[in-house]
C-alpha atoms as a PDB file:
ATOM      1  CA  MET A   1      99.494 116.725  76.318  1.00  0.00           C
ATOM      2  CA  ASP A   2      98.795 113.401  74.662  1.00  0.00           C
ATOM      3  CA  PHE A   3      98.872 110.082  76.490  1.00  0.00           C
ATOM      4  CA  LYS A   4      98.387 106.363  75.999  1.00  0.00           C
ATOM      5  CA  ILE A   5      98.128 103.532  78.515  1.00  0.00           C
ATOM      6  CA  GLU A   6      99.924 100.261  77.818  1.00  0.00           C
ATOM      7  CA  GLY A   7     101.033  97.171  79.726  1.00  0.00           C
ATOM      8  CA  GLY A   8      97.823  95.255  80.457  1.00  0.00           C
ATOM      9  CA  SER A   9      97.666  94.186  84.106  1.00  0.00           C
ATOM     10  CA  PHE A  10     100.979  95.949  84.808  1.00  0.00           C
ATOM     11  CA  PRO A  11     100.122  99.315  83.277  1.00  0.00           C
ATOM     12  CA  ILE A  12     102.183 102.328  82.333  1.00  0.00           C
ATOM     13  CA  VAL A  13     100.862 105.675  81.092  1.00  0.00           C
ATOM     14  CA  ILE A  14     103.093 107.266  78.459  1.00  0.00           C
ATOM     15  CA  CYS A  15     102.670 111.048  78.149  1.00  0.00           C
ATOM     16  CA  THR A  16     103.932 113.197  75.286  1.00  0.00           C
ATOM     17  CA  LEU A  17     104.262 116.910  76.118  1.00  0.00           C
ATOM     18  CA  LYS A  18     104.671 120.161  74.249  1.00  0.00           C
ATOM     19  CA  LYS A  19     107.357 122.630  75.265  1.00  0.00           C
ATOM     20  CA  GLY A  20     106.547 124.219  78.643  1.00  0.00           C
ATOM     21  CA  GLU A  21     103.928 121.657  79.692  1.00  0.00           C
ATOM     22  CA  THR A  22     104.415 120.168  83.166  1.00  0.00           C
ATOM     23  CA  LEU A  23     103.353 116.938  84.835  1.00  0.00           C
ATOM     24  CA  LYS A  24     103.701 116.039  88.500  1.00  0.00           C
ATOM     25  CA  ASN A  25     103.759 112.702  90.256  1.00  0.00           C
ATOM     26  CA  GLU A  26     104.496 111.050  93.555  1.00  0.00           C
ATOM     27  CA  THR A  27     108.147 110.102  93.886  1.00  0.00           C
ATOM     28  CA  GLY A  28     108.992 106.619  92.660  1.00  0.00           C
ATOM     29  CA  ALA A  29     106.334 106.289  89.934  1.00  0.00           C
ATOM     30  CA  MET A  30     108.424 107.589  87.016  1.00  0.00           C
ATOM     31  CA  ALA A  31     109.558 104.697  84.805  1.00  0.00           C
ATOM     32  CA  TYR A  32     111.447 106.619  82.105  1.00  0.00           C
ATOM     33  CA  MET A  33     111.746 110.007  80.431  1.00  0.00           C
ATOM     34  CA  THR A  34     113.432 111.507  77.401  1.00  0.00           C
ATOM     35  CA  SER A  35     116.464 113.743  77.811  1.00  0.00           C
ATOM     36  CA  ASN A  36     114.515 116.909  76.924  1.00  0.00           C
ATOM     37  CA  MET A  37     112.495 116.667  80.152  1.00  0.00           C
ATOM     38  CA  LYS A  38     113.524 118.764  83.172  1.00  0.00           C
ATOM     39  CA  MET A  39     112.830 117.382  86.680  1.00  0.00           C
ATOM     40  CA  GLU A  40     112.375 119.346  89.918  1.00  0.00           C
ATOM     41  CA  THR A  41     111.248 118.161  93.359  1.00  0.00           C
ATOM     42  CA  SER A  42     109.232 120.083  95.968  1.00  0.00           C
ATOM     43  CA  THR A  43     106.451 119.704  98.531  1.00  0.00           C
ATOM     44  CA  GLY A  44     103.996 121.217  96.027  1.00  0.00           C
ATOM     45  CA  GLY A  45     102.625 123.962  98.261  1.00  0.00           C
ATOM     46  CA  GLY A  46     104.620 123.957 101.480  1.00  0.00           C
ATOM     47  CA  LEU A  47     105.568 121.471 104.175  1.00  0.00           C
ATOM     48  CA  MET A  48     102.079 121.197 105.668  1.00  0.00           C
ATOM     49  CA  LYS A  49     100.554 120.291 102.313  1.00  0.00           C
ATOM     50  CA  GLY A  50     103.253 117.675 101.815  1.00  0.00           C
ATOM     51  CA  LEU A  51     102.580 116.205 105.251  1.00  0.00           C
ATOM     52  CA  GLY A  52      98.861 116.160 104.460  1.00  0.00           C
ATOM     53  CA  ARG A  53      99.513 114.050 101.378  1.00  0.00           C
ATOM     54  CA  ALA A  54     101.649 111.718 103.494  1.00  0.00           C
ATOM     55  CA  LEU A  55      98.653 111.153 105.799  1.00  0.00           C
ATOM     56  CA  SER A  56      96.640 110.007 102.793  1.00  0.00           C
ATOM     57  CA  GLY A  57      99.273 107.461 101.825  1.00  0.00           C
ATOM     58  CA  ASP A  58     101.388 109.421  99.338  1.00  0.00           C
ATOM     59  CA  THR A  59     104.847 110.941  99.639  1.00  0.00           C
ATOM     60  CA  VAL A  60     105.727 114.315 101.182  1.00  0.00           C
ATOM     61  CA  PHE A  61     107.470 115.446  98.002  1.00  0.00           C
ATOM     62  CA  LEU A  62     106.246 115.604  94.424  1.00  0.00           C
ATOM     63  CA  ASN A  63     108.331 115.442  91.270  1.00  0.00           C
ATOM     64  CA  TYR A  64     107.642 118.021  88.538  1.00  0.00           C
ATOM     65  CA  PHE A  65     108.568 117.225  84.942  1.00  0.00           C
ATOM     66  CA  THR A  66     108.617 120.048  82.374  1.00  0.00           C
ATOM     67  CA  ALA A  67     109.137 119.583  78.637  1.00  0.00           C
ATOM     68  CA  GLU A  68     112.032 121.671  77.341  1.00  0.00           C
ATOM     69  CA  SER A  69     110.980 121.069  73.733  1.00  0.00           C
ATOM     70  CA  ASP A  70     108.044 119.590  71.847  1.00  0.00           C
ATOM     71  CA  GLY A  71     107.745 115.824  71.906  1.00  0.00           C
ATOM     72  CA  ALA A  72     109.247 115.270  75.340  1.00  0.00           C
ATOM     73  CA  GLN A  73     108.003 111.958  76.702  1.00  0.00           C
ATOM     74  CA  ILE A  74     107.641 110.397  80.134  1.00  0.00           C
ATOM     75  CA  GLY A  75     106.171 107.146  81.450  1.00  0.00           C
ATOM     76  CA  PHE A  76     104.573 106.587  84.866  1.00  0.00           C
ATOM     77  CA  SER A  77     104.025 102.987  85.969  1.00  0.00           C
ATOM     78  CA  ALA A  78     101.629 101.584  88.564  1.00  0.00           C
ATOM     79  CA  CYS A  79     103.238  99.919  91.579  1.00  0.00           C
ATOM     80  CA  THR A  80     100.703  97.060  91.801  1.00  0.00           C
ATOM     81  CA  PRO A  81      98.794  94.927  89.267  1.00  0.00           C
ATOM     82  CA  GLY A  82      95.698  96.725  88.078  1.00  0.00           C
ATOM     83  CA  LYS A  83      94.659  99.634  85.877  1.00  0.00           C
ATOM     84  CA  ILE A  84      95.491 103.292  85.375  1.00  0.00           C
ATOM     85  CA  LEU A  85      92.342 105.423  85.295  1.00  0.00           C
ATOM     86  CA  PRO A  86      92.553 108.819  83.539  1.00  0.00           C
ATOM     87  CA  ILE A  87      89.993 111.388  84.696  1.00  0.00           C
ATOM     88  CA  ARG A  88      89.639 114.836  83.150  1.00  0.00           C
ATOM     89  CA  LEU A  89      88.777 117.661  85.541  1.00  0.00           C
ATOM     90  CA  ASN A  90      87.064 120.713  84.052  1.00  0.00           C
ATOM     91  CA  GLY A  91      87.483 123.220  86.891  1.00  0.00           C
ATOM     92  CA  SER A  92      84.054 122.570  88.378  1.00  0.00           C
ATOM     93  CA  ASN A  93      84.111 118.843  89.179  1.00  0.00           C
ATOM     94  CA  THR A  94      85.950 117.235  92.096  1.00  0.00           C
ATOM     95  CA  ILE A  95      87.091 113.636  92.451  1.00  0.00           C
ATOM     96  CA  ILE A  96      87.624 111.871  95.778  1.00  0.00           C
ATOM     97  CA  GLY A  97      90.089 108.959  95.640  1.00  0.00           C
ATOM     98  CA  GLN A  98      91.252 106.173  97.918  1.00  0.00           C
ATOM     99  CA  LYS A  99      94.523 106.376  99.804  1.00  0.00           C
ATOM    100  CA  ASN A 100      97.452 105.841  97.416  1.00  0.00           C
ATOM    101  CA  ALA A 101      95.211 106.544  94.402  1.00  0.00           C
ATOM    102  CA  PHE A 102      97.316 109.365  92.963  1.00  0.00           C
ATOM    103  CA  LEU A 103      99.816 108.395  90.251  1.00  0.00           C
ATOM    104  CA  ALA A 104     100.388 111.571  88.211  1.00  0.00           C
ATOM    105  CA  ALA A 105      98.609 114.679  86.944  1.00  0.00           C
ATOM    106  CA  GLU A 106      98.953 117.809  84.891  1.00  0.00           C
ATOM    107  CA  ASN A 107     100.347 120.675  86.940  1.00  0.00           C
ATOM    108  CA  SER A 108      96.975 122.465  86.782  1.00  0.00           C
ATOM    109  CA  VAL A 109      95.430 119.712  88.950  1.00  0.00           C
ATOM    110  CA  ASP A 110      95.504 120.242  92.726  1.00  0.00           C
ATOM    111  CA  VAL A 111      96.127 117.195  94.927  1.00  0.00           C
ATOM    112  CA  ASP A 112      95.051 117.492  98.554  1.00  0.00           C
ATOM    113  CA  ILE A 113      94.008 115.442 101.569  1.00  0.00           C
ATOM    114  CA  TYR A 114      90.294 114.850 102.202  1.00  0.00           C
ATOM    115  CA  PHE A 115      88.872 114.090 105.650  1.00  0.00           C
ATOM    116  CA  LYS A 116      85.425 112.598 105.994  1.00  0.00           C
ATOM    117  CA  LYS A 117      83.848 114.552 108.833  1.00  0.00           C
ATOM    118  CA  LYS A 118      80.886 112.328 109.636  1.00  0.00           C
ATOM    119  CA  LEU A 119      81.279 110.417 112.900  1.00  0.00           C
ATOM    120  CA  GLY A 120      80.593 107.014 111.373  1.00  0.00           C
ATOM    121  CA  ALA A 121      83.076 107.384 108.550  1.00  0.00           C
ATOM    122  CA  GLY A 122      85.612 109.031 110.856  1.00  0.00           C
ATOM    123  CA  LEU A 123      85.663 106.370 113.567  1.00  0.00           C
ATOM    124  CA  PHE A 124      85.047 103.242 111.553  1.00  0.00           C
ATOM    125  CA  GLY A 125      86.058 104.067 108.020  1.00  0.00           C
ATOM    126  CA  GLY A 126      89.377 102.240 108.112  1.00  0.00           C
ATOM    127  CA  GLU A 127      90.701 102.382 104.558  1.00  0.00           C
ATOM    128  CA  GLY A 128      88.026 104.882 103.595  1.00  0.00           C
ATOM    129  CA  PHE A 129      88.578 107.581 106.245  1.00  0.00           C
ATOM    130  CA  VAL A 130      91.621 109.508 105.007  1.00  0.00           C
ATOM    131  CA  LEU A 131      91.059 110.085 101.309  1.00  0.00           C
ATOM    132  CA  GLN A 132      92.509 112.219  98.519  1.00  0.00           C
ATOM    133  CA  LYS A 133      90.853 115.130  96.729  1.00  0.00           C
ATOM    134  CA  PHE A 134      91.569 116.181  93.138  1.00  0.00           C
ATOM    135  CA  THR A 135      90.437 119.554  91.777  1.00  0.00           C
ATOM    136  CA  GLY A 136      91.444 121.961  89.025  1.00  0.00           C
ATOM    137  CA  ASN A 137      91.499 121.787  85.259  1.00  0.00           C
ATOM    138  CA  GLY A 138      93.399 118.938  83.614  1.00  0.00           C
ATOM    139  CA  VAL A 139      93.963 115.194  83.616  1.00  0.00           C
ATOM    140  CA  VAL A 140      94.723 113.162  86.732  1.00  0.00           C
ATOM    141  CA  PHE A 141      95.847 109.532  86.554  1.00  0.00           C
ATOM    142  CA  LEU A 142      94.726 107.208  89.355  1.00  0.00           C
ATOM    143  CA  GLU A 143      96.047 103.760  90.279  1.00  0.00           C
ATOM    144  CA  ILE A 144      93.329 101.109  90.504  1.00  0.00           C
ATOM    145  CA  ASP A 145      93.884  97.720  92.179  1.00  0.00           C
ATOM    146  CA  GLY A 146      92.638  94.975  89.859  1.00  0.00           C
ATOM    147  CA  GLU A 147      89.919  95.781  87.321  1.00  0.00           C
ATOM    148  CA  ILE A 148      87.570  98.804  87.282  1.00  0.00           C
ATOM    149  CA  ILE A 149      83.797  98.723  87.608  1.00  0.00           C
ATOM    150  CA  GLU A 150      82.101 102.058  86.924  1.00  0.00           C
ATOM    151  CA  LYS A 151      78.700 102.677  88.535  1.00  0.00           C
ATOM    152  CA  TYR A 152      76.499 105.727  88.129  1.00  0.00           C
ATOM    153  CA  LEU A 153      74.134 106.267  91.055  1.00  0.00           C
ATOM    154  CA  ALA A 154      70.934 108.226  90.558  1.00  0.00           C
ATOM    155  CA  ALA A 155      69.847 110.733  93.209  1.00  0.00           C
ATOM    156  CA  GLY A 156      69.045 108.790  96.389  1.00  0.00           C
ATOM    157  CA  GLU A 157      70.312 105.478  94.989  1.00  0.00           C
ATOM    158  CA  THR A 158      72.511 103.655  97.504  1.00  0.00           C
ATOM    159  CA  LEU A 159      75.228 101.048  97.150  1.00  0.00           C
ATOM    160  CA  LEU A 160      76.927  99.120  99.970  1.00  0.00           C
ATOM    161  CA  VAL A 161      80.573  98.347  99.220  1.00  0.00           C
ATOM    162  CA  ASP A 162      83.421  96.739 101.130  1.00  0.00           C
ATOM    163  CA  PRO A 163      85.533  99.784 102.170  1.00  0.00           C
ATOM    164  CA  GLY A 164      88.668  98.580 100.384  1.00  0.00           C
ATOM    165  CA  HIS A 165      86.876  98.253  97.049  1.00  0.00           C
ATOM    166  CA  ILE A 166      86.035 101.946  96.626  1.00  0.00           C
ATOM    167  CA  ALA A 167      88.673 103.414  94.328  1.00  0.00           C
ATOM    168  CA  ALA A 168      87.194 106.852  93.587  1.00  0.00           C
ATOM    169  CA  MET A 169      83.955 108.808  93.392  1.00  0.00           C
ATOM    170  CA  GLU A 170      82.610 112.161  92.351  1.00  0.00           C
ATOM    171  CA  ASP A 171      82.210 114.576  95.248  1.00  0.00           C
ATOM    172  CA  THR A 172      78.453 114.700  94.649  1.00  0.00           C
ATOM    173  CA  VAL A 173      78.298 111.154  96.065  1.00  0.00           C
ATOM    174  CA  ASP A 174      77.583 110.985  99.790  1.00  0.00           C
ATOM    175  CA  PHE A 175      79.902 108.625 101.655  1.00  0.00           C
ATOM    176  CA  ASP A 176      79.417 107.072 105.097  1.00  0.00           C
ATOM    177  CA  ILE A 177      80.039 103.849 107.007  1.00  0.00           C
ATOM    178  CA  GLU A 178      77.262 101.426 107.962  1.00  0.00           C
ATOM    179  CA  MET A 179      77.685  98.665 110.521  1.00  0.00           C
ATOM    180  CA  VAL A 180      76.823  95.131 109.422  1.00  0.00           C
ATOM    181  CA  LYS A 181      73.656  93.863 111.107  1.00  0.00           C
ATOM    182  CA  GLY A 182      73.352  90.435 112.729  1.00  0.00           C
ATOM    183  CA  ALA A 183      75.813  88.565 114.953  1.00  0.00           C
ATOM    184  CA  LYS A 184      76.344  85.736 112.434  1.00  0.00           C
ATOM    185  CA  ASN A 185      77.031  88.186 109.655  1.00  0.00           C
ATOM    186  CA  ILE A 186      79.616  89.940 111.823  1.00  0.00           C
ATOM    187  CA  LEU A 187      81.313  86.728 112.988  1.00  0.00           C
ATOM    188  CA  PHE A 188      81.221  84.747 109.745  1.00  0.00           C
ATOM    189  CA  GLY A 189      80.452  87.267 107.040  1.00  0.00           C
ATOM    190  CA  GLU A 190      82.298  90.076 105.289  1.00  0.00           C
ATOM    191  CA  GLY A 191      83.361  92.073 108.346  1.00  0.00           C
ATOM    192  CA  LEU A 192      82.032  94.753 110.679  1.00  0.00           C
ATOM    193  CA  PHE A 193      81.359  97.614 108.277  1.00  0.00           C
ATOM    194  CA  PHE A 194      80.245  98.527 104.783  1.00  0.00           C
ATOM    195  CA  SER A 195      80.939 101.759 102.941  1.00  0.00           C
ATOM    196  CA  LYS A 196      77.598 103.335 102.082  1.00  0.00           C
ATOM    197  CA  VAL A 197      77.612 105.508  98.957  1.00  0.00           C
ATOM    198  CA  THR A 198      74.529 107.442  97.867  1.00  0.00           C
ATOM    199  CA  GLY A 199      73.996 109.250  94.571  1.00  0.00           C
ATOM    200  CA  PRO A 200      73.853 111.266  92.517  1.00  0.00           C
ATOM    201  CA  GLY A 201      77.230 110.673  90.958  1.00  0.00           C
ATOM    202  CA  LYS A 202      79.763 108.206  89.655  1.00  0.00           C
ATOM    203  CA  VAL A 203      81.641 105.614  91.714  1.00  0.00           C
ATOM    204  CA  TRP A 204      84.642 103.595  90.540  1.00  0.00           C
ATOM    205  CA  ILE A 205      84.970 100.187  92.229  1.00  0.00           C
ATOM    206  CA  GLN A 206      88.190  98.158  92.179  1.00  0.00           C
ATOM    207  CA  THR A 207      88.048  94.364  92.103  1.00  0.00           C
ATOM    208  CA  MET A 208      91.233  93.463  94.034  1.00  0.00           C
ATOM    209  CA  PRO A 209      92.364  95.875  96.784  1.00  0.00           C
ATOM    210  CA  ILE A 210      96.077  95.478  97.450  1.00  0.00           C
ATOM    211  CA  SER A 211      95.309  94.625 101.095  1.00  0.00           C
ATOM    212  CA  LYS A 212      93.271  91.587 100.007  1.00  0.00           C
ATOM    213  CA  LEU A 213      95.918  90.569  97.484  1.00  0.00           C
ATOM    214  CA  ALA A 214      98.504  90.621 100.272  1.00  0.00           C
ATOM    215  CA  GLU A 215      96.257  88.477 102.500  1.00  0.00           C
ATOM    216  CA  ALA A 216      95.871  85.937  99.691  1.00  0.00           C
ATOM    217  CA  ILE A 217      99.648  85.715  99.167  1.00  0.00           C
ATOM    218  CA  ILE A 218     100.749  85.493 102.821  1.00  0.00           C
ATOM    219  CA  PRO A 219      99.863  81.769 103.300  1.00  0.00           C
ATOM    220  CA  PHE A 220     102.188  80.898 100.395  1.00  0.00           C
ATOM    221  CA  VAL A 221     105.189  82.900 101.656  1.00  0.00           C
ATOM    222  CA  PRO A 222     107.872  80.510 103.021  1.00  0.00           C
ATOM    223  CA  LYS A 223     108.501  80.947 106.717  1.00  0.00           C
ATOM    224  CA  LYS A 224     111.987  81.186 108.096  1.00  0.00           C
ATOM    225  CA  GLU A 225     112.903  78.396 110.426  1.00  0.00           C
ATOM    226  CA  GLY A 226     114.206  79.491 113.787  1.00  0.00           C
END
């Protein structure tokens, strides 16, 4: 499979496949495909697996696109302004992504739900509690809200991040929730909790979570008069 990403702030990934190669995506992300591409829809591993994906913000069903001849092409577009991040899995590395991160992947990539079991992250994680896990051997494409900042954390190095700004991380990174200290900070600062990520490993930070974009737009939405 070859691919290229176009579209700037409204990105689309265009994939060119050889005969027999298959891509899968969440329903609704396909923008176009050539006529030599065959589409099938399934839960991708049974009803329970589909429901698990739904808990992490994706759809119950996945679409599978298989090239019937060389040169078949398909485009997957992001649903919000931002970036499309391609990550290659080699069979031994695992990526943990935010809710709604999954856009598309080669069929050899497994997409599953990921629960953070620590008490702090479980009770107070908010956006960061129910995550997605990507394993296997192949390329996965993730949707990123806004721009991408890539940080590599050394062993024991810690970063505090607003929960909505964590887009993805390697599974070697430890993730937990830390409560903000100080009454003034809680009342007038950034909120009650930070996501605490500790290396070693890579973390991808997004600059404009869709939740914050929505909050910024709401004051400008005309209100209906009763």
